[in-house]
Amino acid sequence: MFEWKILVKIIILALKVFVENTKKLSLADLKGKIELDEDYNYKKVKKSHVSD
């Protein structure tokens, strides 16, 4: 049976490899893929979250 320390090291190594090989999305990659609601008013939302 695996010892827990060895298993933890294997999982950490696998996560490091996964993170290194995962492509990070840039804003340019997201262009045209996100649709915003036409009725959305960011100024109104911003005002409602600002504390006095």
PDB file of N, CA and C in Angstrom:
ATOM      1  N   MET A   1       0.850  -1.188   0.000  1.00  0.00           N
ATOM      2  CA  MET A   1       0.000   0.000   0.000  1.00  0.00           C
ATOM      3  C   MET A   1       0.888   1.241   0.000  1.00  0.00           C
ATOM      4  N   PHE A   2       0.440   2.275  -0.685  1.00  0.00           N
ATOM      5  CA  PHE A   2       1.195   3.517  -0.731  1.00  0.00           C
ATOM      6  C   PHE A   2       1.246   4.164   0.641  1.00  0.00           C
ATOM      7  N   GLU A   3       2.373   4.758   0.913  1.00  0.00           N
ATOM      8  CA  GLU A   3       2.430   5.583   2.118  1.00  0.00           C
ATOM      9  C   GLU A   3       1.843   6.940   1.780  1.00  0.00           C
ATOM     10  N   TRP A   4       1.223   7.573   2.730  1.00  0.00           N
ATOM     11  CA  TRP A   4       0.559   8.850   2.491  1.00  0.00           C
ATOM     12  C   TRP A   4       1.518   9.915   1.997  1.00  0.00           C
ATOM     13  N   LYS A   5       2.746   9.948   2.505  1.00  0.00           N
ATOM     14  CA  LYS A   5       3.711  10.968   2.087  1.00  0.00           C
ATOM     15  C   LYS A   5       4.022  10.839   0.606  1.00  0.00           C
ATOM     16  N   ILE A   6       4.163   9.603   0.133  1.00  0.00           N
ATOM     17  CA  ILE A   6       4.447   9.378  -1.279  1.00  0.00           C
ATOM     18  C   ILE A   6       3.243   9.794  -2.128  1.00  0.00           C
ATOM     19  N   LEU A   7       2.059   9.436  -1.680  1.00  0.00           N
ATOM     20  CA  LEU A   7       0.838   9.791  -2.403  1.00  0.00           C
ATOM     21  C   LEU A   7       0.675  11.303  -2.487  1.00  0.00           C
ATOM     22  N   VAL A   8       0.935  12.003  -1.405  1.00  0.00           N
ATOM     23  CA  VAL A   8       0.831  13.461  -1.393  1.00  0.00           C
ATOM     24  C   VAL A   8       1.842  14.068  -2.358  1.00  0.00           C
ATOM     25  N   LYS A   9       3.065  13.553  -2.382  1.00  0.00           N
ATOM     26  CA  LYS A   9       4.089  14.063  -3.299  1.00  0.00           C
ATOM     27  C   LYS A   9       3.680  13.837  -4.751  1.00  0.00           C
ATOM     28  N   ILE A  10       3.085  12.692  -5.050  1.00  0.00           N
ATOM     29  CA  ILE A  10       2.639  12.399  -6.415  1.00  0.00           C
ATOM     30  C   ILE A  10       1.527  13.368  -6.828  1.00  0.00           C
ATOM     31  N   ILE A  11       0.602  13.620  -5.921  1.00  0.00           N
ATOM     32  CA  ILE A  11      -0.507  14.535  -6.231  1.00  0.00           C
ATOM     33  C   ILE A  11       0.002  15.949  -6.442  1.00  0.00           C
ATOM     34  N   ILE A  12       0.914  16.392  -5.594  1.00  0.00           N
ATOM     35  CA  ILE A  12       1.471  17.741  -5.735  1.00  0.00           C
ATOM     36  C   ILE A  12       2.215  17.874  -7.057  1.00  0.00           C
ATOM     37  N   LEU A  13       2.999  16.875  -7.414  1.00  0.00           N
ATOM     38  CA  LEU A  13       3.722  16.903  -8.683  1.00  0.00           C
ATOM     39  C   LEU A  13       2.745  16.938  -9.858  1.00  0.00           C
ATOM     40  N   ALA A  14       1.694  16.134  -9.795  1.00  0.00           N
ATOM     41  CA  ALA A  14       0.704  16.110 -10.873  1.00  0.00           C
ATOM     42  C   ALA A  14       0.020  17.465 -11.013  1.00  0.00           C
ATOM     43  N   LEU A  15      -0.296  18.099  -9.898  1.00  0.00           N
ATOM     44  CA  LEU A  15      -0.923  19.424  -9.944  1.00  0.00           C
ATOM     45  C   LEU A  15       0.016  20.469 -10.531  1.00  0.00           C
ATOM     46  N   LYS A  16       1.287  20.400 -10.167  1.00  0.00           N
ATOM     47  CA  LYS A  16       2.263  21.343 -10.731  1.00  0.00           C
ATOM     48  C   LYS A  16       2.365  21.179 -12.245  1.00  0.00           C
ATOM     49  N   VAL A  17       2.423  19.938 -12.704  1.00  0.00           N
ATOM     50  CA  VAL A  17       2.502  19.682 -14.142  1.00  0.00           C
ATOM     51  C   VAL A  17       1.240  20.184 -14.834  1.00  0.00           C
ATOM     52  N   PHE A  18       0.087  19.921 -14.228  1.00  0.00           N
ATOM     53  CA  PHE A  18      -1.178  20.373 -14.801  1.00  0.00           C
ATOM     54  C   PHE A  18      -1.203  21.893 -14.931  1.00  0.00           C
ATOM     55  N   VAL A  19      -0.811  22.601 -13.885  1.00  0.00           N
ATOM     56  CA  VAL A  19      -0.837  24.065 -13.898  1.00  0.00           C
ATOM     57  C   VAL A  19       0.139  24.605 -14.938  1.00  0.00           C
ATOM     58  N   GLU A  20       1.317  24.022 -15.045  1.00  0.00           N
ATOM     59  CA  GLU A  20       2.300  24.482 -16.020  1.00  0.00           C
ATOM     60  C   GLU A  20       1.819  24.275 -17.450  1.00  0.00           C
ATOM     61  N   ASN A  21       1.075  23.210 -17.677  1.00  0.00           N
ATOM     62  CA  ASN A  21       0.658  22.883 -19.033  1.00  0.00           C
ATOM     63  C   ASN A  21      -0.705  23.445 -19.412  1.00  0.00           C
ATOM     64  N   THR A  22      -1.390  24.039 -18.461  1.00  0.00           N
ATOM     65  CA  THR A  22      -2.697  24.615 -18.738  1.00  0.00           C
ATOM     66  C   THR A  22      -2.515  26.008 -19.314  1.00  0.00           C
ATOM     67  N   LYS A  23      -3.143  26.234 -20.438  1.00  0.00           N
ATOM     68  CA  LYS A  23      -3.028  27.538 -21.087  1.00  0.00           C
ATOM     69  C   LYS A  23      -3.853  28.556 -20.319  1.00  0.00           C
ATOM     70  N   LYS A  24      -3.243  29.673 -20.019  1.00  0.00           N
ATOM     71  CA  LYS A  24      -3.960  30.763 -19.370  1.00  0.00           C
ATOM     72  C   LYS A  24      -4.656  31.585 -20.452  1.00  0.00           C
ATOM     73  N   LEU A  25      -5.926  31.892 -20.223  1.00  0.00           N
ATOM     74  CA  LEU A  25      -6.675  32.680 -21.189  1.00  0.00           C
ATOM     75  C   LEU A  25      -6.346  34.156 -21.035  1.00  0.00           C
ATOM     76  N   SER A  26      -6.163  34.790 -22.147  1.00  0.00           N
ATOM     77  CA  SER A  26      -5.968  36.235 -22.121  1.00  0.00           C
ATOM     78  C   SER A  26      -7.272  36.895 -22.547  1.00  0.00           C
ATOM     79  N   LEU A  27      -7.357  38.180 -22.380  1.00  0.00           N
ATOM     80  CA  LEU A  27      -8.560  38.890 -22.796  1.00  0.00           C
ATOM     81  C   LEU A  27      -8.787  38.747 -24.290  1.00  0.00           C
ATOM     82  N   ALA A  28      -7.705  38.694 -25.063  1.00  0.00           N
ATOM     83  CA  ALA A  28      -7.836  38.539 -26.505  1.00  0.00           C
ATOM     84  C   ALA A  28      -8.489  37.204 -26.853  1.00  0.00           C
ATOM     85  N   ASP A  29      -8.212  36.161 -26.074  1.00  0.00           N
ATOM     86  CA  ASP A  29      -8.820  34.849 -26.319  1.00  0.00           C
ATOM     87  C   ASP A  29     -10.318  34.866 -26.033  1.00  0.00           C
ATOM     88  N   LEU A  30     -10.745  35.733 -25.139  1.00  0.00           N
ATOM     89  CA  LEU A  30     -12.147  35.783 -24.734  1.00  0.00           C
ATOM     90  C   LEU A  30     -12.995  36.694 -25.622  1.00  0.00           C
ATOM     91  N   LYS A  31     -12.338  37.467 -26.489  1.00  0.00           N
ATOM     92  CA  LYS A  31     -13.059  38.418 -27.333  1.00  0.00           C
ATOM     93  C   LYS A  31     -14.091  37.688 -28.192  1.00  0.00           C
ATOM     94  N   GLY A  32     -15.329  38.157 -28.119  1.00  0.00           N
ATOM     95  CA  GLY A  32     -16.411  37.592 -28.900  1.00  0.00           C
ATOM     96  C   GLY A  32     -17.060  36.370 -28.271  1.00  0.00           C
ATOM     97  N   LYS A  33     -16.562  35.909 -27.141  1.00  0.00           N
ATOM     98  CA  LYS A  33     -17.105  34.725 -26.505  1.00  0.00           C
ATOM     99  C   LYS A  33     -18.020  35.056 -25.326  1.00  0.00           C
ATOM    100  N   ILE A  34     -17.998  36.306 -24.897  1.00  0.00           N
ATOM    101  CA  ILE A  34     -18.800  36.722 -23.754  1.00  0.00           C
ATOM    102  C   ILE A  34     -19.870  37.694 -24.246  1.00  0.00           C
ATOM    103  N   GLU A  35     -21.114  37.388 -23.907  1.00  0.00           N
ATOM    104  CA  GLU A  35     -22.201  38.271 -24.271  1.00  0.00           C
ATOM    105  C   GLU A  35     -22.714  38.962 -23.013  1.00  0.00           C
ATOM    106  N   LEU A  36     -22.778  40.276 -23.056  1.00  0.00           N
ATOM    107  CA  LEU A  36     -23.287  41.043 -21.929  1.00  0.00           C
ATOM    108  C   LEU A  36     -24.744  41.396 -22.172  1.00  0.00           C
ATOM    109  N   ASP A  37     -25.499  41.487 -21.110  1.00  0.00           N
ATOM    110  CA  ASP A  37     -26.893  41.876 -21.201  1.00  0.00           C
ATOM    111  C   ASP A  37     -26.959  43.337 -21.628  1.00  0.00           C
ATOM    112  N   GLU A  38     -27.752  43.630 -22.652  1.00  0.00           N
ATOM    113  CA  GLU A  38     -27.845  44.996 -23.164  1.00  0.00           C
ATOM    114  C   GLU A  38     -28.452  45.950 -22.142  1.00  0.00           C
ATOM    115  N   ASP A  39     -29.263  45.429 -21.232  1.00  0.00           N
ATOM    116  CA  ASP A  39     -29.907  46.264 -20.217  1.00  0.00           C
ATOM    117  C   ASP A  39     -29.028  46.473 -18.983  1.00  0.00           C
ATOM    118  N   TYR A  40     -27.878  45.853 -18.947  1.00  0.00           N
ATOM    119  CA  TYR A  40     -26.992  45.960 -17.780  1.00  0.00           C
ATOM    120  C   TYR A  40     -26.420  47.370 -17.679  1.00  0.00           C
ATOM    121  N   ASN A  41     -26.532  47.973 -16.524  1.00  0.00           N
ATOM    122  CA  ASN A  41     -26.038  49.333 -16.299  1.00  0.00           C
ATOM    123  C   ASN A  41     -24.982  49.276 -15.205  1.00  0.00           C
ATOM    124  N   TYR A  42     -23.720  49.250 -15.604  1.00  0.00           N
ATOM    125  CA  TYR A  42     -22.646  49.107 -14.623  1.00  0.00           C
ATOM    126  C   TYR A  42     -22.555  50.309 -13.690  1.00  0.00           C
ATOM    127  N   LYS A  43     -22.928  51.483 -14.188  1.00  0.00           N
ATOM    128  CA  LYS A  43     -22.862  52.672 -13.335  1.00  0.00           C
ATOM    129  C   LYS A  43     -23.881  52.564 -12.189  1.00  0.00           C
ATOM    130  N   LYS A  44     -25.071  52.071 -12.504  1.00  0.00           N
ATOM    131  CA  LYS A  44     -26.098  51.912 -11.478  1.00  0.00           C
ATOM    132  C   LYS A  44     -25.664  50.881 -10.436  1.00  0.00           C
ATOM    133  N   VAL A  45     -25.096  49.789 -10.905  1.00  0.00           N
ATOM    134  CA  VAL A  45     -24.631  48.747  -9.994  1.00  0.00           C
ATOM    135  C   VAL A  45     -23.489  49.264  -9.126  1.00  0.00           C
ATOM    136  N   LYS A  46     -22.591  50.007  -9.736  1.00  0.00           N
ATOM    137  CA  LYS A  46     -21.449  50.555  -9.005  1.00  0.00           C
ATOM    138  C   LYS A  46     -21.917  51.499  -7.898  1.00  0.00           C
ATOM    139  N   LYS A  47     -22.902  52.354  -8.218  1.00  0.00           N
ATOM    140  CA  LYS A  47     -23.426  53.278  -7.216  1.00  0.00           C
ATOM    141  C   LYS A  47     -24.054  52.548  -6.044  1.00  0.00           C
ATOM    142  N   SER A  48     -24.736  51.448  -6.324  1.00  0.00           N
ATOM    143  CA  SER A  48     -25.408  50.717  -5.256  1.00  0.00           C
ATOM    144  C   SER A  48     -24.430  49.980  -4.333  1.00  0.00           C
ATOM    145  N   HIS A  49     -23.191  49.769  -4.784  1.00  0.00           N
ATOM    146  CA  HIS A  49     -22.207  49.061  -3.968  1.00  0.00           C
ATOM    147  C   HIS A  49     -21.245  50.004  -3.237  1.00  0.00           C
ATOM    148  N   VAL A  50     -21.285  51.264  -3.561  1.00  0.00           N
ATOM    149  CA  VAL A  50     -20.388  52.228  -2.925  1.00  0.00           C
ATOM    150  C   VAL A  50     -20.958  52.606  -1.567  1.00  0.00           C
ATOM    151  N   SER A  51     -20.144  52.455  -0.531  1.00  0.00           N
ATOM    152  CA  SER A  51     -20.608  52.825   0.809  1.00  0.00           C
ATOM    153  C   SER A  51     -20.240  54.271   1.097  1.00  0.00           C
ATOM    154  N   ASP A  52     -21.093  54.937   1.817  1.00  0.00           N
ATOM    155  CA  ASP A  52     -20.856  56.373   2.124  1.00  0.00           C
ATOM    156  C   ASP A  52     -19.915  56.516   3.265  1.00  0.00           C
TER     157      ASP A  52
END
